Structure formats: structure tokens, C-alpha cells
């Protein structure tokens, strides 16, 4: 396991341990970076307009499309730290 992978795993644990809710925007950004790091670019159909949560997640993920897995992991780590994780 590389250093980035170990830091990424630790950042995920730290985010889960946050005592204060970071808010929906922060959660969407963390979700998008996590998905990009673990699954790559978004695939499949964009959720319909009545699936507001699914659509928000898909849109957030689309914004980080094109990042490599390591870039997404590093951004996740940096953002988690900025939240106090």
C-alpha cells in the first residue's frame, strides 16, 4: 500500500469520526472525490430530475471527472484535513 493509499484510508476514518456535521456541500465534495478515487469517471445514465439526491451526487462527481485516482485521493485527504478530520 502506497503512502497516498494509507493516508486516504486514514482520512476516510477521520471523516467518519467527525463530531460536527460538515454540511451537505462538504459531504457532496467528499463523496465525489471518493467515487473518483475508487471508481474513476462517472458512468451510466444521469439520475432523473425526481431523484434529487442521486442527481446531486452525480453532478458533484461529474465536476471532478478526469482526475486520476491518486489526484482524487490527495484532494480528498487535503479536504478532509481542512474540515478538521
C-alpha atoms as a PDB file:
ATOM      1  CA  UNK A   1       0.000   0.000   0.000  1.00  0.00           C
ATOM      2  CA  UNK A   2       1.401   3.363  -1.006  1.00  0.00           C
ATOM      3  CA  UNK A   3       1.591   6.377   1.280  1.00  0.00           C
ATOM      4  CA  UNK A   4      -1.325   8.033  -0.539  1.00  0.00           C
ATOM      5  CA  UNK A   5      -3.455   4.898  -0.122  1.00  0.00           C
ATOM      6  CA  UNK A   6      -2.681   4.741   3.601  1.00  0.00           C
ATOM      7  CA  UNK A   7      -3.425   8.457   4.065  1.00  0.00           C
ATOM      8  CA  UNK A   8      -6.637   8.074   2.038  1.00  0.00           C
ATOM      9  CA  UNK A   9      -7.794   5.198   4.249  1.00  0.00           C
ATOM     10  CA  UNK A  10      -6.962   7.215   7.372  1.00  0.00           C
ATOM     11  CA  UNK A  11      -8.755  10.297   6.021  1.00  0.00           C
ATOM     12  CA  UNK A  12     -11.895   8.210   5.454  1.00  0.00           C
ATOM     13  CA  UNK A  13     -11.803   7.039   9.065  1.00  0.00           C
ATOM     14  CA  UNK A  14     -11.191  10.589  10.281  1.00  0.00           C
ATOM     15  CA  UNK A  15     -14.165  11.898   8.294  1.00  0.00           C
ATOM     16  CA  UNK A  16     -16.392   9.208   9.818  1.00  0.00           C
ATOM     17  CA  UNK A  17     -15.220  10.307  13.272  1.00  0.00           C
ATOM     18  CA  UNK A  18     -16.104  13.988  12.792  1.00  0.00           C
ATOM     19  CA  UNK A  19     -18.301  15.165  15.643  1.00  0.00           C
ATOM     20  CA  UNK A  20     -19.753  18.163  13.784  1.00  0.00           C
ATOM     21  CA  UNK A  21     -21.775  17.746  10.597  1.00  0.00           C
ATOM     22  CA  UNK A  22     -19.695  19.373   7.837  1.00  0.00           C
ATOM     23  CA  UNK A  23     -22.823  20.194   5.794  1.00  0.00           C
ATOM     24  CA  UNK A  24     -24.249  18.922   2.530  1.00  0.00           C
ATOM     25  CA  UNK A  25     -21.795  20.718   0.230  1.00  0.00           C
ATOM     26  CA  UNK A  26     -18.813  19.246   2.064  1.00  0.00           C
ATOM     27  CA  UNK A  27     -20.376  15.792   2.056  1.00  0.00           C
ATOM     28  CA  UNK A  28     -21.038  16.026  -1.683  1.00  0.00           C
ATOM     29  CA  UNK A  29     -17.441  17.060  -2.344  1.00  0.00           C
ATOM     30  CA  UNK A  30     -16.106  14.198  -0.217  1.00  0.00           C
ATOM     31  CA  UNK A  31     -18.461  11.775  -1.966  1.00  0.00           C
ATOM     32  CA  UNK A  32     -17.378  12.971  -5.408  1.00  0.00           C
ATOM     33  CA  UNK A  33     -13.671  12.719  -4.617  1.00  0.00           C
ATOM     34  CA  UNK A  34     -14.157   9.282  -3.039  1.00  0.00           C
ATOM     35  CA  UNK A  35     -16.063   7.978  -6.075  1.00  0.00           C
ATOM     36  CA  UNK A  36     -13.493   9.414  -8.484  1.00  0.00           C
ATOM     37  CA  UNK A  37     -10.661   7.853  -6.473  1.00  0.00           C
ATOM     38  CA  UNK A  38     -12.283   4.429  -6.243  1.00  0.00           C
ATOM     39  CA  UNK A  39     -14.386   4.147  -9.417  1.00  0.00           C
ATOM     40  CA  UNK A  40     -12.996   6.634 -11.935  1.00  0.00           C
ATOM     41  CA  UNK A  41     -15.116   8.873 -14.125  1.00  0.00           C
ATOM     42  CA  UNK A  42     -18.914   8.734 -13.791  1.00  0.00           C
ATOM     43  CA  UNK A  43     -20.612   6.116 -15.905  1.00  0.00           C
ATOM     44  CA  UNK A  44     -24.193   5.223 -16.595  1.00  0.00           C
ATOM     45  CA  UNK A  45     -27.195   7.417 -17.004  1.00  0.00           C
ATOM     46  CA  UNK A  46     -27.635  10.636 -15.067  1.00  0.00           C
ATOM     47  CA  UNK A  47     -30.415  10.212 -12.489  1.00  0.00           C
ATOM     48  CA  UNK A  48     -33.767  11.750 -13.371  1.00  0.00           C
ATOM     49  CA  UNK A  49     -34.961  15.084 -12.100  1.00  0.00           C
ATOM     50  CA  UNK A  50     -37.122  13.497  -9.414  1.00  0.00           C
ATOM     51  CA  UNK A  51     -34.116  11.742  -7.859  1.00  0.00           C
ATOM     52  CA  UNK A  52     -32.684  14.918  -6.378  1.00  0.00           C
ATOM     53  CA  UNK A  53     -30.153  13.216  -4.102  1.00  0.00           C
ATOM     54  CA  UNK A  54     -28.883  10.903  -6.832  1.00  0.00           C
ATOM     55  CA  UNK A  55     -28.667  13.786  -9.259  1.00  0.00           C
ATOM     56  CA  UNK A  56     -26.750  15.983  -6.798  1.00  0.00           C
ATOM     57  CA  UNK A  57     -24.271  13.156  -6.196  1.00  0.00           C
ATOM     58  CA  UNK A  58     -23.860  12.515  -9.924  1.00  0.00           C
ATOM     59  CA  UNK A  59     -23.370  16.229 -10.656  1.00  0.00           C
ATOM     60  CA  UNK A  60     -20.770  16.570  -7.896  1.00  0.00           C
ATOM     61  CA  UNK A  61     -18.929  13.504  -9.192  1.00  0.00           C
ATOM     62  CA  UNK A  62     -19.029  14.881 -12.752  1.00  0.00           C
ATOM     63  CA  UNK A  63     -17.273  18.050 -11.570  1.00  0.00           C
ATOM     64  CA  UNK A  64     -14.161  16.053 -10.619  1.00  0.00           C
ATOM     65  CA  UNK A  65     -14.262  13.853 -13.705  1.00  0.00           C
ATOM     66  CA  UNK A  66     -10.873  13.468 -15.336  1.00  0.00           C
ATOM     67  CA  UNK A  67      -8.840  13.400 -12.132  1.00  0.00           C
ATOM     68  CA  UNK A  68      -6.573  10.406 -11.723  1.00  0.00           C
ATOM     69  CA  UNK A  69      -7.204   8.128  -8.757  1.00  0.00           C
ATOM     70  CA  UNK A  70      -4.139   9.453  -6.938  1.00  0.00           C
ATOM     71  CA  UNK A  71      -5.109  13.094  -7.583  1.00  0.00           C
ATOM     72  CA  UNK A  72      -8.627  12.447  -6.262  1.00  0.00           C
ATOM     73  CA  UNK A  73      -7.233  10.664  -3.200  1.00  0.00           C
ATOM     74  CA  UNK A  74      -4.879  13.550  -2.444  1.00  0.00           C
ATOM     75  CA  UNK A  75      -7.666  16.116  -2.846  1.00  0.00           C
ATOM     76  CA  UNK A  76      -9.867  14.007  -0.532  1.00  0.00           C
ATOM     77  CA  UNK A  77      -7.076  13.893   2.056  1.00  0.00           C
ATOM     78  CA  UNK A  78      -6.469  17.644   1.829  1.00  0.00           C
ATOM     79  CA  UNK A  79     -10.184  18.479   2.019  1.00  0.00           C
ATOM     80  CA  UNK A  80     -10.746  16.130   4.958  1.00  0.00           C
ATOM     81  CA  UNK A  81      -7.899  17.867   6.806  1.00  0.00           C
ATOM     82  CA  UNK A  82      -9.429  21.269   6.063  1.00  0.00           C
ATOM     83  CA  UNK A  83     -12.620  20.053   7.754  1.00  0.00           C
ATOM     84  CA  UNK A  84     -10.674  19.156  10.887  1.00  0.00           C
ATOM     85  CA  UNK A  85     -10.622  15.418  10.246  1.00  0.00           C
END
